[in-house]
C-alpha atoms as a PDB file:
ATOM      1  CA  UNK A   1      42.730  42.620 207.616  1.00  0.00           C
ATOM      2  CA  UNK A   2      44.209  42.483 211.109  1.00  0.00           C
ATOM      3  CA  UNK A   3      45.435  45.517 213.000  1.00  0.00           C
ATOM      4  CA  UNK A   4      48.972  44.116 212.859  1.00  0.00           C
ATOM      5  CA  UNK A   5      48.914  43.872 209.052  1.00  0.00           C
ATOM      6  CA  UNK A   6      47.503  47.373 208.777  1.00  0.00           C
ATOM      7  CA  UNK A   7      50.386  48.685 210.909  1.00  0.00           C
ATOM      8  CA  UNK A   8      52.922  47.007 208.646  1.00  0.00           C
ATOM      9  CA  UNK A   9      51.322  48.438 205.506  1.00  0.00           C
ATOM     10  CA  UNK A  10      51.205  51.913 207.045  1.00  0.00           C
ATOM     11  CA  UNK A  11      54.887  51.703 208.011  1.00  0.00           C
ATOM     12  CA  UNK A  12      55.877  50.604 204.476  1.00  0.00           C
ATOM     13  CA  UNK A  13      53.811  53.405 202.944  1.00  0.00           C
ATOM     14  CA  UNK A  14      55.547  55.977 205.126  1.00  0.00           C
ATOM     15  CA  UNK A  15      58.982  54.665 204.061  1.00  0.00           C
ATOM     16  CA  UNK A  16      58.040  54.766 200.379  1.00  0.00           C
ATOM     17  CA  UNK A  17      56.821  58.319 200.787  1.00  0.00           C
ATOM     18  CA  UNK A  18      59.907  59.582 202.597  1.00  0.00           C
ATOM     19  CA  UNK A  19      62.598  57.800 200.534  1.00  0.00           C
ATOM     20  CA  UNK A  20      62.225  59.828 197.330  1.00  0.00           C
ATOM     21  CA  UNK A  21      62.156  63.053 199.298  1.00  0.00           C
ATOM     22  CA  UNK A  22      65.365  62.134 201.109  1.00  0.00           C
ATOM     23  CA  UNK A  23      67.079  61.231 197.844  1.00  0.00           C
ATOM     24  CA  UNK A  24      65.867  64.412 196.184  1.00  0.00           C
ATOM     25  CA  UNK A  25      67.058  66.576 199.076  1.00  0.00           C
ATOM     26  CA  UNK A  26      70.500  65.041 198.861  1.00  0.00           C
ATOM     27  CA  UNK A  27      70.675  65.476 195.089  1.00  0.00           C
ATOM     28  CA  UNK A  28      69.699  69.144 195.353  1.00  0.00           C
ATOM     29  CA  UNK A  29      72.561  70.119 197.686  1.00  0.00           C
ATOM     30  CA  UNK A  30      73.999  73.406 196.486  1.00  0.00           C
ATOM     31  CA  UNK A  31      77.700  73.540 195.663  1.00  0.00           C
ATOM     32  CA  UNK A  32      77.975  76.698 193.515  1.00  0.00           C
ATOM     33  CA  UNK A  33      77.335  80.100 195.121  1.00  0.00           C
ATOM     34  CA  UNK A  34      77.923  82.606 192.325  1.00  0.00           C
ATOM     35  CA  UNK A  35      77.048  85.807 194.194  1.00  0.00           C
ATOM     36  CA  UNK A  36      79.264  87.850 191.829  1.00  0.00           C
ATOM     37  CA  UNK A  37      77.385  86.558 188.751  1.00  0.00           C
ATOM     38  CA  UNK A  38      80.515  85.450 186.905  1.00  0.00           C
ATOM     39  CA  UNK A  39      78.977  82.331 185.365  1.00  0.00           C
ATOM     40  CA  UNK A  40      76.161  81.573 182.977  1.00  0.00           C
ATOM     41  CA  UNK A  41      73.278  79.351 184.034  1.00  0.00           C
ATOM     42  CA  UNK A  42      74.700  76.574 181.890  1.00  0.00           C
ATOM     43  CA  UNK A  43      78.128  76.869 183.530  1.00  0.00           C
ATOM     44  CA  UNK A  44      76.607  76.853 187.014  1.00  0.00           C
ATOM     45  CA  UNK A  45      74.641  73.705 186.143  1.00  0.00           C
ATOM     46  CA  UNK A  46      77.734  71.990 184.725  1.00  0.00           C
ATOM     47  CA  UNK A  47      79.870  72.841 187.759  1.00  0.00           C
ATOM     48  CA  UNK A  48      77.056  71.757 190.064  1.00  0.00           C
ATOM     49  CA  UNK A  49      76.887  68.386 188.307  1.00  0.00           C
ATOM     50  CA  UNK A  50      80.688  68.005 188.343  1.00  0.00           C
ATOM     51  CA  UNK A  51      80.940  68.819 192.054  1.00  0.00           C
ATOM     52  CA  UNK A  52      78.136  66.377 192.827  1.00  0.00           C
ATOM     53  CA  UNK A  53      79.639  63.539 190.773  1.00  0.00           C
ATOM     54  CA  UNK A  54      83.243  63.848 191.956  1.00  0.00           C
ATOM     55  CA  UNK A  55      82.225  64.763 195.488  1.00  0.00           C
ATOM     56  CA  UNK A  56      80.306  61.501 195.765  1.00  0.00           C
ATOM     57  CA  UNK A  57      83.476  59.529 194.975  1.00  0.00           C
ATOM     58  CA  UNK A  58      85.529  61.411 197.584  1.00  0.00           C
ATOM     59  CA  UNK A  59      82.715  61.802 200.149  1.00  0.00           C
ATOM     60  CA  UNK A  60      83.456  65.527 200.083  1.00  0.00           C
ATOM     61  CA  UNK A  61      81.480  68.650 199.201  1.00  0.00           C
ATOM     62  CA  UNK A  62      83.355  70.792 196.677  1.00  0.00           C
ATOM     63  CA  UNK A  63      82.096  74.354 197.154  1.00  0.00           C
ATOM     64  CA  UNK A  64      82.629  77.390 194.885  1.00  0.00           C
ATOM     65  CA  UNK A  65      81.885  80.915 196.198  1.00  0.00           C
ATOM     66  CA  UNK A  66      82.190  84.172 194.256  1.00  0.00           C
ATOM     67  CA  UNK A  67      81.549  87.593 195.810  1.00  0.00           C
ATOM     68  CA  UNK A  68      81.770  91.297 195.066  1.00  0.00           C
ATOM     69  CA  UNK A  69      83.072  92.288 198.476  1.00  0.00           C
ATOM     70  CA  UNK A  70      82.857  90.528 201.829  1.00  0.00           C
ATOM     71  CA  UNK A  71      81.086  93.177 203.877  1.00  0.00           C
ATOM     72  CA  UNK A  72      84.303  94.264 205.534  1.00  0.00           C
ATOM     73  CA  UNK A  73      85.353  90.760 206.548  1.00  0.00           C
ATOM     74  CA  UNK A  74      88.710  89.229 205.715  1.00  0.00           C
ATOM     75  CA  UNK A  75      88.239  86.534 203.097  1.00  0.00           C
ATOM     76  CA  UNK A  76      89.430  83.848 205.530  1.00  0.00           C
ATOM     77  CA  UNK A  77      86.847  84.883 208.103  1.00  0.00           C
ATOM     78  CA  UNK A  78      84.190  84.995 205.382  1.00  0.00           C
ATOM     79  CA  UNK A  79      84.892  81.364 204.437  1.00  0.00           C
ATOM     80  CA  UNK A  80      84.978  80.295 208.089  1.00  0.00           C
ATOM     81  CA  UNK A  81      81.643  81.990 208.808  1.00  0.00           C
ATOM     82  CA  UNK A  82      80.174  80.440 205.654  1.00  0.00           C
ATOM     83  CA  UNK A  83      81.141  76.982 206.880  1.00  0.00           C
ATOM     84  CA  UNK A  84      79.793  77.673 210.376  1.00  0.00           C
ATOM     85  CA  UNK A  85      76.482  79.088 209.161  1.00  0.00           C
ATOM     86  CA  UNK A  86      75.712  76.961 206.076  1.00  0.00           C
ATOM     87  CA  UNK A  87      77.105  73.730 207.574  1.00  0.00           C
ATOM     88  CA  UNK A  88      78.053  72.119 204.228  1.00  0.00           C
ATOM     89  CA  UNK A  89      79.255  68.537 203.966  1.00  0.00           C
ATOM     90  CA  UNK A  90      78.830  65.514 201.771  1.00  0.00           C
ATOM     91  CA  UNK A  91      76.681  63.359 204.058  1.00  0.00           C
ATOM     92  CA  UNK A  92      76.277  65.411 207.233  1.00  0.00           C
ATOM     93  CA  UNK A  93      76.272  69.025 208.425  1.00  0.00           C
ATOM     94  CA  UNK A  94      79.752  70.428 208.976  1.00  0.00           C
ATOM     95  CA  UNK A  95      81.201  67.452 207.120  1.00  0.00           C
ATOM     96  CA  UNK A  96      84.024  66.941 204.631  1.00  0.00           C
ATOM     97  CA  UNK A  97      84.248  70.133 202.597  1.00  0.00           C
ATOM     98  CA  UNK A  98      86.697  71.839 200.203  1.00  0.00           C
ATOM     99  CA  UNK A  99      85.964  75.500 199.468  1.00  0.00           C
ATOM    100  CA  UNK A 100      87.264  77.858 196.792  1.00  0.00           C
ATOM    101  CA  UNK A 101      86.276  81.502 197.199  1.00  0.00           C
ATOM    102  CA  UNK A 102      87.196  84.568 195.172  1.00  0.00           C
ATOM    103  CA  UNK A 103      86.440  88.197 196.027  1.00  0.00           C
ATOM    104  CA  UNK A 104      86.261  90.332 192.899  1.00  0.00           C
ATOM    105  CA  UNK A 105      86.511  93.581 194.847  1.00  0.00           C
ATOM    106  CA  UNK A 106      89.869  92.821 196.465  1.00  0.00           C
ATOM    107  CA  UNK A 107      90.998  90.255 193.849  1.00  0.00           C
ATOM    108  CA  UNK A 108      91.514  87.775 196.688  1.00  0.00           C
ATOM    109  CA  UNK A 109      91.362  83.992 196.344  1.00  0.00           C
ATOM    110  CA  UNK A 110      91.183  81.560 199.250  1.00  0.00           C
ATOM    111  CA  UNK A 111      91.065  77.770 199.381  1.00  0.00           C
ATOM    112  CA  UNK A 112      90.126  75.825 202.503  1.00  0.00           C
ATOM    113  CA  UNK A 113      89.699  72.191 203.522  1.00  0.00           C
ATOM    114  CA  UNK A 114      87.533  71.011 206.425  1.00  0.00           C
ATOM    115  CA  UNK A 115      87.385  67.601 208.150  1.00  0.00           C
ATOM    116  CA  UNK A 116      88.686  64.899 205.763  1.00  0.00           C
ATOM    117  CA  UNK A 117      89.663  67.595 203.252  1.00  0.00           C
ATOM    118  CA  UNK A 118      91.848  69.236 205.901  1.00  0.00           C
ATOM    119  CA  UNK A 119      94.069  66.130 205.862  1.00  0.00           C
ATOM    120  CA  UNK A 120      93.926  65.229 202.174  1.00  0.00           C
ATOM    121  CA  UNK A 121      93.994  68.857 200.989  1.00  0.00           C
ATOM    122  CA  UNK A 122      96.439  70.303 203.489  1.00  0.00           C
ATOM    123  CA  UNK A 123      97.794  73.821 203.124  1.00  0.00           C
ATOM    124  CA  UNK A 124     100.705  72.626 200.977  1.00  0.00           C
ATOM    125  CA  UNK A 125      98.453  70.861 198.487  1.00  0.00           C
ATOM    126  CA  UNK A 126      96.056  73.814 198.451  1.00  0.00           C
ATOM    127  CA  UNK A 127      99.019  76.066 197.597  1.00  0.00           C
ATOM    128  CA  UNK A 128      99.732  73.848 194.589  1.00  0.00           C
ATOM    129  CA  UNK A 129      96.103  73.949 193.460  1.00  0.00           C
ATOM    130  CA  UNK A 130      95.966  77.724 193.873  1.00  0.00           C
ATOM    131  CA  UNK A 131      99.100  78.165 191.751  1.00  0.00           C
ATOM    132  CA  UNK A 132      97.491  76.022 189.033  1.00  0.00           C
ATOM    133  CA  UNK A 133      94.236  77.993 188.815  1.00  0.00           C
ATOM    134  CA  UNK A 134      95.500  81.553 189.416  1.00  0.00           C
ATOM    135  CA  UNK A 135      96.503  82.206 185.757  1.00  0.00           C
ATOM    136  CA  UNK A 136      92.976  81.305 184.594  1.00  0.00           C
ATOM    137  CA  UNK A 137      91.445  83.529 187.291  1.00  0.00           C
ATOM    138  CA  UNK A 138      93.693  86.430 186.259  1.00  0.00           C
ATOM    139  CA  UNK A 139      92.556  86.043 182.647  1.00  0.00           C
ATOM    140  CA  UNK A 140      88.887  85.985 183.614  1.00  0.00           C
ATOM    141  CA  UNK A 141      88.457  82.312 182.722  1.00  0.00           C
ATOM    142  CA  UNK A 142      86.423  81.581 185.832  1.00  0.00           C
ATOM    143  CA  UNK A 143      84.628  78.474 184.626  1.00  0.00           C
ATOM    144  CA  UNK A 144      87.931  76.862 183.631  1.00  0.00           C
ATOM    145  CA  UNK A 145      89.518  77.797 186.972  1.00  0.00           C
ATOM    146  CA  UNK A 146      86.593  76.421 188.991  1.00  0.00           C
ATOM    147  CA  UNK A 147      86.559  73.203 186.961  1.00  0.00           C
ATOM    148  CA  UNK A 148      90.304  72.811 187.504  1.00  0.00           C
ATOM    149  CA  UNK A 149      89.825  73.322 191.253  1.00  0.00           C
ATOM    150  CA  UNK A 150      87.248  70.534 191.466  1.00  0.00           C
ATOM    151  CA  UNK A 151      89.198  68.135 189.239  1.00  0.00           C
ATOM    152  CA  UNK A 152      92.569  68.767 190.918  1.00  0.00           C
ATOM    153  CA  UNK A 153      91.112  68.554 194.429  1.00  0.00           C
ATOM    154  CA  UNK A 154      89.500  65.260 193.457  1.00  0.00           C
ATOM    155  CA  UNK A 155      92.825  63.948 192.098  1.00  0.00           C
ATOM    156  CA  UNK A 156      94.860  65.068 195.116  1.00  0.00           C
ATOM    157  CA  UNK A 157      92.442  63.387 197.525  1.00  0.00           C
ATOM    158  CA  UNK A 158      93.348  60.101 195.861  1.00  0.00           C
ATOM    159  CA  UNK A 159      96.848  60.300 197.389  1.00  0.00           C
ATOM    160  CA  UNK A 160      97.605  59.539 201.013  1.00  0.00           C
ATOM    161  CA  UNK A 161      98.362  62.587 203.189  1.00  0.00           C
ATOM    162  CA  UNK A 162     102.026  63.495 203.471  1.00  0.00           C
ATOM    163  CA  UNK A 163     103.057  62.765 199.871  1.00  0.00           C
ATOM    164  CA  UNK A 164     103.470  65.227 197.004  1.00  0.00           C
ATOM    165  CA  UNK A 165     100.898  64.465 194.275  1.00  0.00           C
ATOM    166  CA  UNK A 166     103.082  66.306 191.754  1.00  0.00           C
ATOM    167  CA  UNK A 167     106.037  63.946 192.305  1.00  0.00           C
ATOM    168  CA  UNK A 168     107.237  62.576 188.970  1.00  0.00           C
ATOM    169  CA  UNK A 169     107.101  59.046 190.333  1.00  0.00           C
ATOM    170  CA  UNK A 170     103.294  59.294 190.438  1.00  0.00           C
ATOM    171  CA  UNK A 171     102.911  60.507 186.845  1.00  0.00           C
ATOM    172  CA  UNK A 172     101.727  57.830 184.407  1.00  0.00           C
ATOM    173  CA  UNK A 173     103.858  59.179 181.554  1.00  0.00           C
ATOM    174  CA  UNK A 174     106.995  59.050 183.720  1.00  0.00           C
ATOM    175  CA  UNK A 175     106.185  55.494 184.802  1.00  0.00           C
ATOM    176  CA  UNK A 176     105.671  54.519 181.159  1.00  0.00           C
ATOM    177  CA  UNK A 177     108.943  56.147 180.078  1.00  0.00           C
ATOM    178  CA  UNK A 178     110.824  54.486 182.935  1.00  0.00           C
ATOM    179  CA  UNK A 179     109.341  51.095 182.066  1.00  0.00           C
ATOM    180  CA  UNK A 180     110.308  51.466 178.398  1.00  0.00           C
ATOM    181  CA  UNK A 181     113.803  52.605 179.378  1.00  0.00           C
ATOM    182  CA  UNK A 182     114.349  49.630 181.685  1.00  0.00           C
ATOM    183  CA  UNK A 183     112.979  47.261 179.050  1.00  0.00           C
ATOM    184  CA  UNK A 184     115.360  48.752 176.467  1.00  0.00           C
ATOM    185  CA  UNK A 185     118.359  48.289 178.770  1.00  0.00           C
ATOM    186  CA  UNK A 186     117.413  44.670 179.431  1.00  0.00           C
ATOM    187  CA  UNK A 187     116.970  43.903 175.729  1.00  0.00           C
ATOM    188  CA  UNK A 188     120.282  45.571 174.865  1.00  0.00           C
ATOM    189  CA  UNK A 189     122.111  43.622 177.568  1.00  0.00           C
ATOM    190  CA  UNK A 190     120.566  40.337 176.425  1.00  0.00           C
ATOM    191  CA  UNK A 191     121.533  41.055 172.806  1.00  0.00           C
ATOM    192  CA  UNK A 192     125.092  41.843 173.880  1.00  0.00           C
ATOM    193  CA  UNK A 193     125.336  38.631 175.905  1.00  0.00           C
ATOM    194  CA  UNK A 194     123.959  36.530 173.078  1.00  0.00           C
ATOM    195  CA  UNK A 195     126.955  37.457 170.870  1.00  0.00           C
ATOM    196  CA  UNK A 196     129.429  35.667 173.143  1.00  0.00           C
ATOM    197  CA  UNK A 197     131.889  37.072 175.623  1.00  0.00           C
ATOM    198  CA  UNK A 198     135.129  38.754 174.423  1.00  0.00           C
ATOM    199  CA  UNK A 199     138.124  37.028 176.043  1.00  0.00           C
ATOM    200  CA  UNK A 200     140.952  38.977 174.329  1.00  0.00           C
ATOM    201  CA  UNK A 201     142.344  41.905 176.287  1.00  0.00           C
ATOM    202  CA  UNK A 202     145.451  44.110 176.412  1.00  0.00           C
ATOM    203  CA  UNK A 203     147.500  41.473 178.194  1.00  0.00           C
ATOM    204  CA  UNK A 204     146.802  38.633 175.789  1.00  0.00           C
ATOM    205  CA  UNK A 205     149.772  39.295 173.484  1.00  0.00           C
ATOM    206  CA  UNK A 206     152.066  40.973 176.016  1.00  0.00           C
ATOM    207  CA  UNK A 207     155.232  39.226 177.216  1.00  0.00           C
ATOM    208  CA  UNK A 208     155.617  40.304 180.799  1.00  0.00           C
ATOM    209  CA  UNK A 209     159.238  38.993 180.972  1.00  0.00           C
ATOM    210  CA  UNK A 210     160.502  41.057 178.060  1.00  0.00           C
ATOM    211  CA  UNK A 211     158.298  44.124 178.364  1.00  0.00           C
ATOM    212  CA  UNK A 212     159.547  46.916 180.599  1.00  0.00           C
ATOM    213  CA  UNK A 213     158.336  50.375 181.529  1.00  0.00           C
ATOM    214  CA  UNK A 214     161.118  52.671 180.340  1.00  0.00           C
ATOM    215  CA  UNK A 215     160.062  56.033 181.756  1.00  0.00           C
ATOM    216  CA  UNK A 216     157.250  57.479 183.883  1.00  0.00           C
ATOM    217  CA  UNK A 217     156.325  61.155 184.045  1.00  0.00           C
ATOM    218  CA  UNK A 218     153.960  62.972 186.390  1.00  0.00           C
ATOM    219  CA  UNK A 219     153.446  66.621 185.398  1.00  0.00           C
ATOM    220  CA  UNK A 220     151.498  69.015 187.682  1.00  0.00           C
ATOM    221  CA  UNK A 221     149.538  71.337 185.402  1.00  0.00           C
ATOM    222  CA  UNK A 222     147.372  73.614 187.565  1.00  0.00           C
ATOM    223  CA  UNK A 223     145.116  73.759 190.606  1.00  0.00           C
ATOM    224  CA  UNK A 224     141.544  75.038 190.398  1.00  0.00           C
ATOM    225  CA  UNK A 225     139.371  75.956 193.374  1.00  0.00           C
ATOM    226  CA  UNK A 226     135.634  76.341 192.858  1.00  0.00           C
ATOM    227  CA  UNK A 227     133.562  78.223 195.401  1.00  0.00           C
ATOM    228  CA  UNK A 228     129.818  77.588 195.719  1.00  0.00           C
ATOM    229  CA  UNK A 229     127.435  79.533 197.898  1.00  0.00           C
ATOM    230  CA  UNK A 230     125.849  77.439 200.602  1.00  0.00           C
ATOM    231  CA  UNK A 231     122.043  77.651 200.397  1.00  0.00           C
ATOM    232  CA  UNK A 232     120.334  79.279 203.331  1.00  0.00           C
ATOM    233  CA  UNK A 233     118.654  76.832 205.680  1.00  0.00           C
ATOM    234  CA  UNK A 234     115.506  78.950 205.907  1.00  0.00           C
ATOM    235  CA  UNK A 235     115.033  79.427 202.176  1.00  0.00           C
ATOM    236  CA  UNK A 236     112.102  77.873 200.401  1.00  0.00           C
ATOM    237  CA  UNK A 237     108.613  78.531 199.130  1.00  0.00           C
ATOM    238  CA  UNK A 238     106.389  80.399 201.531  1.00  0.00           C
ATOM    239  CA  UNK A 239     102.908  79.272 202.431  1.00  0.00           C
ATOM    240  CA  UNK A 240      99.726  80.859 201.145  1.00  0.00           C
ATOM    241  CA  UNK A 241      98.175  81.862 204.456  1.00  0.00           C
ATOM    242  CA  UNK A 242      97.725  78.481 206.080  1.00  0.00           C
ATOM    243  CA  UNK A 243      94.633  77.294 207.887  1.00  0.00           C
ATOM    244  CA  UNK A 244      92.983  78.196 211.144  1.00  0.00           C
ATOM    245  CA  UNK A 245      89.969  77.628 213.367  1.00  0.00           C
ATOM    246  CA  UNK A 246      86.565  79.188 212.751  1.00  0.00           C
ATOM    247  CA  UNK A 247      84.591  80.942 215.464  1.00  0.00           C
ATOM    248  CA  UNK A 248      82.455  77.797 215.582  1.00  0.00           C
ATOM    249  CA  UNK A 249      85.514  75.722 216.475  1.00  0.00           C
ATOM    250  CA  UNK A 250      86.049  74.042 213.097  1.00  0.00           C
ATOM    251  CA  UNK A 251      89.723  73.714 212.091  1.00  0.00           C
ATOM    252  CA  UNK A 252      90.749  73.847 208.456  1.00  0.00           C
ATOM    253  CA  UNK A 253      93.693  74.025 206.068  1.00  0.00           C
ATOM    254  CA  UNK A 254      94.056  77.022 203.806  1.00  0.00           C
ATOM    255  CA  UNK A 255      95.865  78.894 201.048  1.00  0.00           C
ATOM    256  CA  UNK A 256      95.320  82.525 200.042  1.00  0.00           C
ATOM    257  CA  UNK A 257      96.625  84.842 197.371  1.00  0.00           C
ATOM    258  CA  UNK A 258      95.778  87.425 194.707  1.00  0.00           C
ATOM    259  CA  UNK A 259      94.718  86.937 191.118  1.00  0.00           C
END
């Protein structure tokens, strides 16, 4: 065997050796950090699998963090430092990442989106997700809340930035109801038209030469004035904390609250 052929075989052997390790390393990325021990091993495994599966479709790492205290840090700073130090991401360090963290000591909850997730999960959308999962967190249903976070984040990232995913126009049941309503109107109109047009009206049997208006009355009954308070221009739902920039220079969206 020539030296050239040996080199080729050695190169192929190296690739075959490294490929499984690379695939395994990617599959073993950690998404669930249950420092507060709120979940069973089975629940951690199920959430890990869910985050891996849905994260692959959105090219985003969905991270869950639970803690009993933050060591004196604000929860926002804790999440920022976590992103800086652990460098999560779907396919690269400091990549697309959506984080949900709860602090059991302060009963704080914070959601953040980095890179692609900052655009597709902006602070407004994160507010909506937080409002959805807070009741479950308050009732101690942590697995259900974390599952809802992953599923809802996945769904919201399927909409272009700048639109409201909760708009009725995007709901399948509303689209179905609207389609059935329009179809019903069309069928009713067609059935009405198929019966022939009515050509007799109030003037058909009236003799305009002999008919006269004898009297006309116009009585003024009353005048009613309705006053309505003008809504304030600065009224509206407040944000949940917004985003920021980590000490490592990574910008992110955000939403915080209590549970």
